[in-house]
Structures are given as structure tokens and as C-alpha cells.
Amino acid sequence: MTTLLLIDCQKDFHPGGSLAVPNADSDAERITQFIHQNATSIHRIVATMDSHHPLHIAHPSFWSDGQGNLPAPFTVISMEDVVEGRWIPREDVKPSARESLLIEDDILLAGDGIPSELYSTDETGNRQLNMKQWCIEYTRRLEAKGKFSLMIWPEHCLVGTEGQTVVRSICDAMMEWSRKTGGSVEWVNKGQNLLTENYSALCAEVPVTKKTSFDYELLESLKTSEKLIMCGQALSHCVQYTVRDIAEHWPNEEMGKLVVLKDCASTIPGFEDASDKFLSDMVSVGVNVETTETLT
């Protein structure tokens, strides 16, 4: 079985979107053509969707300085910035009515323990999350992993907006594939928890709930593929970390089943080195890095 994993092929990551990736439109054309030309040999399509709320930890409106100014997009906020009060998180951020908690203690405890000042008790005896302490802990955990610090992105892929939807040409190709083959596209949403980032479709950068912990069910489902072809946006971020998570948990003797289409994914400017290292790392562990023209 051949599976096509389309990672965040959404309008906000394409020219005209709030977090546009240069060359993404050309990538979309190649993805569209690839689906049309290989419809009968693609047995399964899985599409991931970045799905955010405005008050997300990596969005400007979650933060302000002492004068009420929001951080500009692409500002890096370090743990020291939060400790020193250079950037201050909103204290009124709360889960939706359908979510009782933004953080589940057992998940946080399994990761690296619970900071002693993470919670306080109000006058009615209810436990309250100390948002500054969480943001100190979050940025500490991010930096301890050695991958990156907290980056503030332009608001993007907001749930229900045009920018969250799949690029029209790819969407049309997927619908045509469904009608032609009898298959249905499988959708994977990520990024809705306000307090953690979800570059990978399989796991949040800092898991805080069961929903943001590693998705072994999705992984095991993908493992049934004889060939797993992966592409989307952006190569430097969500494609990279989704593929890295899959490869890390994939059987070593079956790495040849994994394929990255490098001509169907582009890099956010300034992160070219990260993309180059990612592709090099994948080749070194046996993942096939191909183009739509070289893939057989």
C-alpha cells in the first residue's frame, strides 16, 4: 500500500497567506500533478492541518511588554526574557468549554516534573495556572531540547478561516482522487492546544495533555504502508519534524519505505541550513529523498 502524507498544504503557508513560504505555489502545482498522475497507485492520503486559535503561545496576542506592546512576528522569546519580564504572557488565557484543562498533570509529570509554583489557589479554593511560571517552564523545556527557542509567528491557520483551508488545486486533486478510487482523505488536526507548539503531526514540542502526546495510533497506521511518501509545508519546520518523528520510530530495516519529495516542500527564509541538515540526516538513516521526477 502506498500512502501519501500531505503536511500542512494550507493557504496561509502559500503566497498571499499570513506565513507564506516562497515557492510553495510551485510545490502545490507539483503535488497536484503528482496526485493526478498517480491516483490509481496512491492507496491512501493522509492530510495534516495546522489548526490554531488567536491566543496561542507562539502568536503575538498571547504576549506583551510592560507598555502593552505585542511582540512583532519572528521575535524570539527566551526563558530569560520571560523570567526578566521583558515579555509577559496573558493571565486570562483559558480552555474552551469542551476542554477542562490546558495541562494534564500526569502528562507534565512524565515529561520533566511539575514546577512548584505552577499553580496557585484563589479565594474560592480553585486551583489556578500561573501563566508566567508555565511560560518559564515551557521555554526552559524547549531550550533544553536544543532544537530552538520560542519563535513568535504571524497568526496563521486560525480555525475556521480561509487561511486554514487546503490550497484549492491540491484540495481539488484530493477530491478527484477520492471519487476515482473510492478512498477518503484522512485528516489530522494539530496545534489547537494554546500552551504548546505542534510542528510535528505526531507530537507537540512539549506534551501537556494526552492529545498532545505522541500519537502512536497514527504512527502504527502509517507503518502499514509499503511506501510512505511525504511532502508539504514548510520543509524547515512541520515537514521536518513530522518526518523526523516518523523516522525515529520506524523499523531500521524498513527505512527504504520512507520517501521525502524535496521538490514538493520549501523552506521558510532564514532556515535553509535546518532544511539542508534535515535532508542530509534523513539520507544518512536510509530515508529516500526524491523528486516527483525521480520517484519510481
C-alpha atoms as a PDB file:
ATOM      1  CA  MET A   1       0.000   0.000   0.000  1.00  0.00           C
ATOM      2  CA  THR A   2       1.288   3.457  -0.957  1.00  0.00           C
ATOM      3  CA  THR A   3       0.359   6.308   1.381  1.00  0.00           C
ATOM      4  CA  LEU A   4       0.717   9.985   0.545  1.00  0.00           C
ATOM      5  CA  LEU A   5       1.200  12.103   3.670  1.00  0.00           C
ATOM      6  CA  LEU A   6       0.450  15.741   2.881  1.00  0.00           C
ATOM      7  CA  ILE A   7       1.734  18.008   5.635  1.00  0.00           C
ATOM      8  CA  ASP A   8       0.024  21.374   6.156  1.00  0.00           C
ATOM      9  CA  CYS A   9      -0.708  22.194   2.494  1.00  0.00           C
ATOM     10  CA  GLN A  10      -2.725  25.187   3.658  1.00  0.00           C
ATOM     11  CA  LYS A  11      -3.338  28.611   2.170  1.00  0.00           C
ATOM     12  CA  ASP A  12      -1.626  30.562   4.941  1.00  0.00           C
ATOM     13  CA  PHE A  13       1.670  28.864   4.016  1.00  0.00           C
ATOM     14  CA  HIS A  14       1.346  29.888   0.367  1.00  0.00           C
ATOM     15  CA  PRO A  15       1.823  33.282  -1.322  1.00  0.00           C
ATOM     16  CA  GLY A  16      -0.898  35.624  -0.103  1.00  0.00           C
ATOM     17  CA  GLY A  17      -1.125  33.830   3.249  1.00  0.00           C
ATOM     18  CA  SER A  18      -0.057  35.207   6.604  1.00  0.00           C
ATOM     19  CA  LEU A  19       3.005  32.925   6.841  1.00  0.00           C
ATOM     20  CA  ALA A  20       3.759  32.464   3.168  1.00  0.00           C
ATOM     21  CA  VAL A  21       6.618  30.181   2.171  1.00  0.00           C
ATOM     22  CA  PRO A  22       8.380  31.246  -1.051  1.00  0.00           C
ATOM     23  CA  ASN A  23       7.953  28.686  -3.858  1.00  0.00           C
ATOM     24  CA  ALA A  24       5.044  26.992  -2.081  1.00  0.00           C
ATOM     25  CA  ASP A  25       2.776  27.630  -5.066  1.00  0.00           C
ATOM     26  CA  SER A  26       5.195  25.745  -7.327  1.00  0.00           C
ATOM     27  CA  ASP A  27       5.285  22.931  -4.783  1.00  0.00           C
ATOM     28  CA  ALA A  28       1.483  22.835  -4.823  1.00  0.00           C
ATOM     29  CA  GLU A  29       1.458  22.535  -8.610  1.00  0.00           C
ATOM     30  CA  ARG A  30       3.809  19.550  -8.443  1.00  0.00           C
ATOM     31  CA  ILE A  31       1.813  17.925  -5.636  1.00  0.00           C
ATOM     32  CA  THR A  32      -1.399  18.398  -7.615  1.00  0.00           C
ATOM     33  CA  GLN A  33       0.145  16.913 -10.743  1.00  0.00           C
ATOM     34  CA  PHE A  34       1.608  14.024  -8.748  1.00  0.00           C
ATOM     35  CA  ILE A  35      -1.812  13.109  -7.332  1.00  0.00           C
ATOM     36  CA  HIS A  36      -3.477  13.290 -10.736  1.00  0.00           C
ATOM     37  CA  GLN A  37      -0.785  11.225 -12.459  1.00  0.00           C
ATOM     38  CA  ASN A  38      -0.568   8.573  -9.730  1.00  0.00           C
ATOM     39  CA  ALA A  39      -4.152   8.435  -8.494  1.00  0.00           C
ATOM     40  CA  THR A  40      -4.625   4.711  -9.015  1.00  0.00           C
ATOM     41  CA  SER A  41      -1.313   3.808  -7.345  1.00  0.00           C
ATOM     42  CA  ILE A  42      -1.930   6.000  -4.284  1.00  0.00           C
ATOM     43  CA  HIS A  43      -3.982   3.856  -1.945  1.00  0.00           C
ATOM     44  CA  ARG A  44      -4.286   6.294   0.942  1.00  0.00           C
ATOM     45  CA  ILE A  45      -3.993  10.051   1.500  1.00  0.00           C
ATOM     46  CA  VAL A  46      -3.440  11.460   4.974  1.00  0.00           C
ATOM     47  CA  ALA A  47      -3.524  15.265   5.263  1.00  0.00           C
ATOM     48  CA  THR A  48      -2.375  17.156   8.348  1.00  0.00           C
ATOM     49  CA  MET A  49      -3.837  20.557   9.205  1.00  0.00           C
ATOM     50  CA  ASP A  50      -2.207  23.227  11.333  1.00  0.00           C
ATOM     51  CA  SER A  51      -5.149  24.434  13.436  1.00  0.00           C
ATOM     52  CA  HIS A  52      -4.620  27.364  15.794  1.00  0.00           C
ATOM     53  CA  HIS A  53      -6.535  29.834  17.939  1.00  0.00           C
ATOM     54  CA  PRO A  54      -5.532  33.514  18.096  1.00  0.00           C
ATOM     55  CA  LEU A  55      -4.346  33.242  21.722  1.00  0.00           C
ATOM     56  CA  HIS A  56      -1.640  30.678  21.084  1.00  0.00           C
ATOM     57  CA  ILE A  57       1.696  30.696  22.876  1.00  0.00           C
ATOM     58  CA  ALA A  58       3.508  31.285  19.573  1.00  0.00           C
ATOM     59  CA  HIS A  59       1.235  34.147  18.445  1.00  0.00           C
ATOM     60  CA  PRO A  60       1.740  37.855  19.209  1.00  0.00           C
ATOM     61  CA  SER A  61      -1.526  38.434  21.103  1.00  0.00           C
ATOM     62  CA  PHE A  62      -0.508  35.917  23.786  1.00  0.00           C
ATOM     63  CA  TRP A  63       2.284  38.305  24.880  1.00  0.00           C
ATOM     64  CA  SER A  64       3.001  41.945  25.645  1.00  0.00           C
ATOM     65  CA  ASP A  65       5.804  44.026  27.077  1.00  0.00           C
ATOM     66  CA  GLY A  66       5.457  46.313  30.098  1.00  0.00           C
ATOM     67  CA  GLN A  67       3.891  49.021  27.916  1.00  0.00           C
ATOM     68  CA  GLY A  68       1.264  46.783  26.332  1.00  0.00           C
ATOM     69  CA  ASN A  69       3.078  46.336  23.021  1.00  0.00           C
ATOM     70  CA  LEU A  70       2.810  42.960  21.313  1.00  0.00           C
ATOM     71  CA  PRO A  71       5.920  41.203  20.013  1.00  0.00           C
ATOM     72  CA  ALA A  72       6.460  41.501  16.287  1.00  0.00           C
ATOM     73  CA  PRO A  73       6.274  38.312  14.243  1.00  0.00           C
ATOM     74  CA  PHE A  74       9.586  36.415  14.190  1.00  0.00           C
ATOM     75  CA  THR A  75      10.534  37.695  17.654  1.00  0.00           C
ATOM     76  CA  VAL A  76      12.390  35.029  19.640  1.00  0.00           C
ATOM     77  CA  ILE A  77      11.340  34.804  23.287  1.00  0.00           C
ATOM     78  CA  SER A  78      13.841  33.073  25.565  1.00  0.00           C
ATOM     79  CA  MET A  79      13.356  31.744  29.069  1.00  0.00           C
ATOM     80  CA  GLU A  80      15.432  34.684  30.314  1.00  0.00           C
ATOM     81  CA  ASP A  81      13.060  37.096  28.561  1.00  0.00           C
ATOM     82  CA  VAL A  82      10.118  35.621  30.479  1.00  0.00           C
ATOM     83  CA  VAL A  83      11.956  35.488  33.815  1.00  0.00           C
ATOM     84  CA  GLU A  84      13.071  39.110  33.497  1.00  0.00           C
ATOM     85  CA  GLY A  85       9.614  40.283  32.412  1.00  0.00           C
ATOM     86  CA  ARG A  86      10.691  41.541  29.008  1.00  0.00           C
ATOM     87  CA  TRP A  87       7.742  39.628  27.586  1.00  0.00           C
ATOM     88  CA  ILE A  88       4.682  38.959  29.737  1.00  0.00           C
ATOM     89  CA  PRO A  89       2.061  36.295  28.922  1.00  0.00           C
ATOM     90  CA  ARG A  90      -1.644  36.941  29.331  1.00  0.00           C
ATOM     91  CA  GLU A  91      -3.003  35.556  32.599  1.00  0.00           C
ATOM     92  CA  ASP A  92      -6.584  35.293  31.341  1.00  0.00           C
ATOM     93  CA  VAL A  93      -5.973  32.557  28.758  1.00  0.00           C
ATOM     94  CA  LYS A  94      -8.418  29.742  29.370  1.00  0.00           C
ATOM     95  CA  PRO A  95      -9.506  26.490  27.706  1.00  0.00           C
ATOM     96  CA  SER A  96     -12.667  26.230  25.650  1.00  0.00           C
ATOM     97  CA  ALA A  97     -15.854  24.936  27.256  1.00  0.00           C
ATOM     98  CA  ARG A  98     -15.190  21.488  25.757  1.00  0.00           C
ATOM     99  CA  GLU A  99     -11.752  21.277  27.360  1.00  0.00           C
ATOM    100  CA  SER A 100     -11.492  21.110  31.123  1.00  0.00           C
ATOM    101  CA  LEU A 101      -7.719  21.584  31.219  1.00  0.00           C
ATOM    102  CA  LEU A 102      -4.954  23.097  29.131  1.00  0.00           C
ATOM    103  CA  ILE A 103      -2.437  20.994  31.059  1.00  0.00           C
ATOM    104  CA  GLU A 104      -2.831  17.477  32.468  1.00  0.00           C
ATOM    105  CA  ASP A 105      -0.553  16.964  35.456  1.00  0.00           C
ATOM    106  CA  ASP A 106       0.209  13.306  34.754  1.00  0.00           C
ATOM    107  CA  ILE A 107       1.496  14.164  31.281  1.00  0.00           C
ATOM    108  CA  LEU A 108       3.585  17.065  32.561  1.00  0.00           C
ATOM    109  CA  LEU A 109       4.940  14.932  35.412  1.00  0.00           C
ATOM    110  CA  ALA A 110       6.015  12.205  32.991  1.00  0.00           C
ATOM    111  CA  GLY A 111       7.892  14.747  30.918  1.00  0.00           C
ATOM    112  CA  ASP A 112      10.051  16.535  33.465  1.00  0.00           C
ATOM    113  CA  GLY A 113       8.100  17.079  36.674  1.00  0.00           C
ATOM    114  CA  ILE A 114       5.774  19.879  37.786  1.00  0.00           C
ATOM    115  CA  PRO A 115       7.305  23.201  38.890  1.00  0.00           C
ATOM    116  CA  SER A 116       6.414  24.021  42.487  1.00  0.00           C
ATOM    117  CA  GLU A 117       4.962  27.453  41.625  1.00  0.00           C
ATOM    118  CA  LEU A 118       2.994  26.369  38.570  1.00  0.00           C
ATOM    119  CA  TYR A 119      -0.335  26.611  40.388  1.00  0.00           C
ATOM    120  CA  SER A 120      -1.877  28.950  42.942  1.00  0.00           C
ATOM    121  CA  THR A 121      -5.203  28.818  44.787  1.00  0.00           C
ATOM    122  CA  ASP A 122      -7.759  31.612  44.533  1.00  0.00           C
ATOM    123  CA  GLU A 123     -10.055  32.853  47.312  1.00  0.00           C
ATOM    124  CA  THR A 124     -12.680  30.224  46.462  1.00  0.00           C
ATOM    125  CA  GLY A 125     -10.179  27.390  46.721  1.00  0.00           C
ATOM    126  CA  ASN A 126      -9.914  26.760  42.980  1.00  0.00           C
ATOM    127  CA  ARG A 127      -6.504  25.968  41.577  1.00  0.00           C
ATOM    128  CA  GLN A 128      -5.220  28.489  39.039  1.00  0.00           C
ATOM    129  CA  LEU A 129      -2.447  28.069  36.484  1.00  0.00           C
ATOM    130  CA  ASN A 130       0.329  30.657  36.915  1.00  0.00           C
ATOM    131  CA  MET A 131       0.835  31.570  33.276  1.00  0.00           C
ATOM    132  CA  LYS A 132       4.222  33.224  33.771  1.00  0.00           C
ATOM    133  CA  GLN A 133       5.540  30.148  35.566  1.00  0.00           C
ATOM    134  CA  TRP A 134       4.219  27.933  32.785  1.00  0.00           C
ATOM    135  CA  CYS A 135       5.906  30.057  30.135  1.00  0.00           C
ATOM    136  CA  ILE A 136       9.177  29.925  32.073  1.00  0.00           C
ATOM    137  CA  GLU A 137       8.850  26.150  32.234  1.00  0.00           C
ATOM    138  CA  TYR A 138       7.821  25.882  28.583  1.00  0.00           C
ATOM    139  CA  THR A 139      10.725  27.937  27.270  1.00  0.00           C
ATOM    140  CA  ARG A 140      13.099  26.061  29.577  1.00  0.00           C
ATOM    141  CA  ARG A 141      11.978  22.717  28.184  1.00  0.00           C
ATOM    142  CA  LEU A 142      12.206  23.971  24.610  1.00  0.00           C
ATOM    143  CA  GLU A 143      15.738  25.258  25.105  1.00  0.00           C
ATOM    144  CA  ALA A 144      16.807  22.108  26.960  1.00  0.00           C
ATOM    145  CA  LYS A 145      15.892  20.040  23.889  1.00  0.00           C
ATOM    146  CA  GLY A 146      18.415  22.066  21.901  1.00  0.00           C
ATOM    147  CA  LYS A 147      16.217  22.444  18.818  1.00  0.00           C
ATOM    148  CA  PHE A 148      15.103  26.068  19.077  1.00  0.00           C
ATOM    149  CA  SER A 149      13.744  28.781  21.327  1.00  0.00           C
ATOM    150  CA  LEU A 150      10.161  30.036  21.225  1.00  0.00           C
ATOM    151  CA  MET A 151       9.524  31.855  17.945  1.00  0.00           C
ATOM    152  CA  ILE A 152       6.561  34.206  17.610  1.00  0.00           C
ATOM    153  CA  TRP A 153       4.856  33.616  14.266  1.00  0.00           C
ATOM    154  CA  PRO A 154       2.252  35.721  12.495  1.00  0.00           C
ATOM    155  CA  GLU A 155      -1.221  34.462  13.341  1.00  0.00           C
ATOM    156  CA  HIS A 156      -1.798  31.641  10.884  1.00  0.00           C
ATOM    157  CA  CYS A 157      -4.126  28.740  10.143  1.00  0.00           C
ATOM    158  CA  LEU A 158      -6.744  30.097  12.545  1.00  0.00           C
ATOM    159  CA  VAL A 159      -9.553  27.572  12.862  1.00  0.00           C
ATOM    160  CA  GLY A 160     -12.432  28.422  10.536  1.00  0.00           C
ATOM    161  CA  THR A 161     -10.574  30.992   8.449  1.00  0.00           C
ATOM    162  CA  GLU A 162      -9.721  30.866   4.763  1.00  0.00           C
ATOM    163  CA  GLY A 163      -6.037  30.561   5.601  1.00  0.00           C
ATOM    164  CA  GLN A 164      -6.585  27.254   7.366  1.00  0.00           C
ATOM    165  CA  THR A 165      -8.055  25.588   4.295  1.00  0.00           C
ATOM    166  CA  VAL A 166      -6.084  23.432   1.877  1.00  0.00           C
ATOM    167  CA  VAL A 167      -4.789  25.105  -1.276  1.00  0.00           C
ATOM    168  CA  ARG A 168      -7.512  24.796  -3.909  1.00  0.00           C
ATOM    169  CA  SER A 169      -5.561  22.851  -6.537  1.00  0.00           C
ATOM    170  CA  ILE A 170      -4.432  20.225  -4.010  1.00  0.00           C
ATOM    171  CA  CYS A 171      -7.892  20.044  -2.449  1.00  0.00           C
ATOM    172  CA  ASP A 172      -9.480  19.508  -5.857  1.00  0.00           C
ATOM    173  CA  ALA A 173      -6.921  16.803  -6.670  1.00  0.00           C
ATOM    174  CA  MET A 174      -7.668  15.010  -3.395  1.00  0.00           C
ATOM    175  CA  MET A 175     -11.416  15.115  -4.031  1.00  0.00           C
ATOM    176  CA  GLU A 176     -10.894  13.814  -7.551  1.00  0.00           C
ATOM    177  CA  TRP A 177      -8.689  11.023  -6.144  1.00  0.00           C
ATOM    178  CA  SER A 178     -11.490  10.111  -3.740  1.00  0.00           C
ATOM    179  CA  ARG A 179     -14.117   9.916  -6.482  1.00  0.00           C
ATOM    180  CA  LYS A 180     -11.810   7.947  -8.760  1.00  0.00           C
ATOM    181  CA  THR A 181     -10.545   5.395  -6.248  1.00  0.00           C
ATOM    182  CA  GLY A 182     -13.322   5.136  -3.665  1.00  0.00           C
ATOM    183  CA  GLY A 183     -10.940   6.217  -0.912  1.00  0.00           C
ATOM    184  CA  SER A 184     -11.473   9.057   1.537  1.00  0.00           C
ATOM    185  CA  VAL A 185      -8.852  11.528   2.705  1.00  0.00           C
ATOM    186  CA  GLU A 186      -7.901  11.122   6.373  1.00  0.00           C
ATOM    187  CA  TRP A 187      -7.498  14.425   8.254  1.00  0.00           C
ATOM    188  CA  VAL A 188      -5.150  15.044  11.191  1.00  0.00           C
ATOM    189  CA  ASN A 189      -5.548  18.331  13.078  1.00  0.00           C
ATOM    190  CA  LYS A 190      -2.719  19.694  15.196  1.00  0.00           C
ATOM    191  CA  GLY A 191      -1.909  22.846  17.136  1.00  0.00           C
ATOM    192  CA  GLN A 192      -5.159  23.615  18.951  1.00  0.00           C
ATOM    193  CA  ASN A 193      -3.744  23.485  22.481  1.00  0.00           C
ATOM    194  CA  LEU A 194      -2.918  27.078  23.432  1.00  0.00           C
ATOM    195  CA  LEU A 195       0.126  26.314  25.561  1.00  0.00           C
ATOM    196  CA  THR A 196       2.397  24.262  23.308  1.00  0.00           C
ATOM    197  CA  GLU A 197       3.609  24.124  19.720  1.00  0.00           C
ATOM    198  CA  ASN A 198       2.928  21.259  17.315  1.00  0.00           C
ATOM    199  CA  TYR A 199       5.392  21.334  14.429  1.00  0.00           C
ATOM    200  CA  SER A 200       5.210  17.557  14.163  1.00  0.00           C
ATOM    201  CA  ALA A 201       1.888  15.960  13.325  1.00  0.00           C
ATOM    202  CA  LEU A 202       2.694  13.193  15.784  1.00  0.00           C
ATOM    203  CA  CYS A 203       3.643  15.044  18.953  1.00  0.00           C
ATOM    204  CA  ALA A 204       3.772  18.522  20.492  1.00  0.00           C
ATOM    205  CA  GLU A 205       7.157  20.074  21.209  1.00  0.00           C
ATOM    206  CA  VAL A 206       6.259  19.932  24.901  1.00  0.00           C
ATOM    207  CA  PRO A 207       3.401  17.468  25.507  1.00  0.00           C
ATOM    208  CA  VAL A 208       0.914  18.836  28.039  1.00  0.00           C
ATOM    209  CA  THR A 209      -2.138  16.607  27.538  1.00  0.00           C
ATOM    210  CA  LYS A 210      -2.902  13.152  26.196  1.00  0.00           C
ATOM    211  CA  LYS A 211      -3.986  14.769  22.909  1.00  0.00           C
ATOM    212  CA  THR A 212      -0.608  16.477  22.527  1.00  0.00           C
ATOM    213  CA  SER A 213       1.422  13.385  23.465  1.00  0.00           C
ATOM    214  CA  PHE A 214       2.951  11.121  20.851  1.00  0.00           C
ATOM    215  CA  ASP A 215       0.285   9.699  18.537  1.00  0.00           C
ATOM    216  CA  TYR A 216       1.249   6.050  18.393  1.00  0.00           C
ATOM    217  CA  GLU A 217      -2.082   5.158  16.798  1.00  0.00           C
ATOM    218  CA  LEU A 218      -1.279   7.346  13.785  1.00  0.00           C
ATOM    219  CA  LEU A 219       2.269   6.000  13.637  1.00  0.00           C
ATOM    220  CA  GLU A 220       1.145   2.364  13.663  1.00  0.00           C
ATOM    221  CA  SER A 221      -1.401   3.147  10.965  1.00  0.00           C
ATOM    222  CA  LEU A 222       1.313   4.698   8.767  1.00  0.00           C
ATOM    223  CA  LYS A 223       3.534   1.662   9.352  1.00  0.00           C
ATOM    224  CA  THR A 224       1.121  -0.475   7.337  1.00  0.00           C
ATOM    225  CA  SER A 225       2.356   1.339   4.209  1.00  0.00           C
ATOM    226  CA  GLU A 226       4.703  -0.347   1.787  1.00  0.00           C
ATOM    227  CA  LYS A 227       5.700   3.146   0.685  1.00  0.00           C
ATOM    228  CA  LEU A 228       5.079   6.338   2.652  1.00  0.00           C
ATOM    229  CA  ILE A 229       5.547   9.489   0.530  1.00  0.00           C
ATOM    230  CA  MET A 230       5.778  12.776   2.452  1.00  0.00           C
ATOM    231  CA  CYS A 231       5.702  16.434   1.399  1.00  0.00           C
ATOM    232  CA  GLY A 232       4.083  19.776   2.216  1.00  0.00           C
ATOM    233  CA  GLN A 233       4.987  22.950   4.100  1.00  0.00           C
ATOM    234  CA  ALA A 234       7.289  24.001   5.410  1.00  0.00           C
ATOM    235  CA  LEU A 235      10.324  21.815   4.788  1.00  0.00           C
ATOM    236  CA  SER A 236      12.236  23.584   7.565  1.00  0.00           C
ATOM    237  CA  HIS A 237       9.569  23.075  10.198  1.00  0.00           C
ATOM    238  CA  CYS A 238       6.419  20.942  10.075  1.00  0.00           C
ATOM    239  CA  VAL A 239       7.651  18.636   7.310  1.00  0.00           C
ATOM    240  CA  GLN A 240      10.999  18.221   9.012  1.00  0.00           C
ATOM    241  CA  TYR A 241       9.700  17.420  12.476  1.00  0.00           C
ATOM    242  CA  THR A 242       6.880  15.187  11.278  1.00  0.00           C
ATOM    243  CA  VAL A 243       9.294  13.136   9.173  1.00  0.00           C
ATOM    244  CA  ARG A 244      11.911  13.045  11.942  1.00  0.00           C
ATOM    245  CA  ASP A 245       9.335  11.676  14.399  1.00  0.00           C
ATOM    246  CA  ILE A 246       8.248   9.015  11.922  1.00  0.00           C
ATOM    247  CA  ALA A 247      11.810   8.011  11.046  1.00  0.00           C
ATOM    248  CA  GLU A 248      12.842   7.851  14.700  1.00  0.00           C
ATOM    249  CA  HIS A 249      10.099   5.300  15.395  1.00  0.00           C
ATOM    250  CA  TRP A 250      10.323   3.402  12.089  1.00  0.00           C
ATOM    251  CA  PRO A 251      11.990  -0.038  11.910  1.00  0.00           C
ATOM    252  CA  ASN A 252      15.609   0.383  10.764  1.00  0.00           C
ATOM    253  CA  GLU A 253      15.313  -2.409   8.217  1.00  0.00           C
ATOM    254  CA  GLU A 254      12.306  -0.677   6.604  1.00  0.00           C
ATOM    255  CA  MET A 255      13.674   2.866   6.213  1.00  0.00           C
ATOM    256  CA  GLY A 256      13.604   2.423   2.458  1.00  0.00           C
ATOM    257  CA  LYS A 257       9.814   2.603   2.597  1.00  0.00           C
ATOM    258  CA  LEU A 258      10.012   6.291   3.579  1.00  0.00           C
ATOM    259  CA  VAL A 259      10.182   8.951   0.863  1.00  0.00           C
ATOM    260  CA  VAL A 260      10.516  12.732   1.125  1.00  0.00           C
ATOM    261  CA  LEU A 261       9.620  14.651  -2.041  1.00  0.00           C
ATOM    262  CA  LYS A 262      12.049  17.559  -1.829  1.00  0.00           C
ATOM    263  CA  ASP A 263      10.542  19.361  -4.833  1.00  0.00           C
ATOM    264  CA  CYS A 264       7.160  19.452  -3.079  1.00  0.00           C
ATOM    265  CA  ALA A 265       8.271  21.284   0.071  1.00  0.00           C
ATOM    266  CA  SER A 266      10.017  24.620   0.604  1.00  0.00           C
ATOM    267  CA  THR A 267      11.859  26.406   3.383  1.00  0.00           C
ATOM    268  CA  ILE A 268      10.926  29.439   5.472  1.00  0.00           C
ATOM    269  CA  PRO A 269      13.603  32.050   4.671  1.00  0.00           C
ATOM    270  CA  GLY A 270      16.406  32.057   7.204  1.00  0.00           C
ATOM    271  CA  PHE A 271      16.086  28.351   7.959  1.00  0.00           C
ATOM    272  CA  GLU A 272      17.879  26.966   4.910  1.00  0.00           C
ATOM    273  CA  ASP A 273      20.601  25.319   6.993  1.00  0.00           C
ATOM    274  CA  ALA A 274      17.973  23.499   9.043  1.00  0.00           C
ATOM    275  CA  SER A 275      16.376  22.113   5.882  1.00  0.00           C
ATOM    276  CA  ASP A 276      19.723  21.032   4.435  1.00  0.00           C
ATOM    277  CA  LYS A 277      20.684  19.243   7.652  1.00  0.00           C
ATOM    278  CA  PHE A 278      17.285  17.567   7.823  1.00  0.00           C
ATOM    279  CA  LEU A 279      17.563  16.144   4.308  1.00  0.00           C
ATOM    280  CA  SER A 280      21.157  15.065   4.938  1.00  0.00           C
ATOM    281  CA  ASP A 281      20.172  13.362   8.189  1.00  0.00           C
ATOM    282  CA  MET A 282      17.341  11.511   6.500  1.00  0.00           C
ATOM    283  CA  VAL A 283      19.600  10.223   3.710  1.00  0.00           C
ATOM    284  CA  SER A 284      22.099   9.046   6.319  1.00  0.00           C
ATOM    285  CA  VAL A 285      19.494   6.842   8.047  1.00  0.00           C
ATOM    286  CA  GLY A 286      18.157   5.377   4.788  1.00  0.00           C
ATOM    287  CA  VAL A 287      15.162   7.565   4.002  1.00  0.00           C
ATOM    288  CA  ASN A 288      14.751   8.178   0.269  1.00  0.00           C
ATOM    289  CA  VAL A 289      14.943  11.866  -0.672  1.00  0.00           C
ATOM    290  CA  GLU A 290      13.468  12.132  -4.164  1.00  0.00           C
ATOM    291  CA  THR A 291      11.718  14.480  -6.567  1.00  0.00           C
ATOM    292  CA  THR A 292       8.473  13.858  -8.409  1.00  0.00           C
ATOM    293  CA  GLU A 293      10.576  13.170 -11.497  1.00  0.00           C
ATOM    294  CA  THR A 294      12.992  10.672  -9.911  1.00  0.00           C
ATOM    295  CA  LEU A 295      10.498   8.754  -7.775  1.00  0.00           C
ATOM    296  CA  THR A 296       9.676   5.330  -9.144  1.00  0.00           C
END
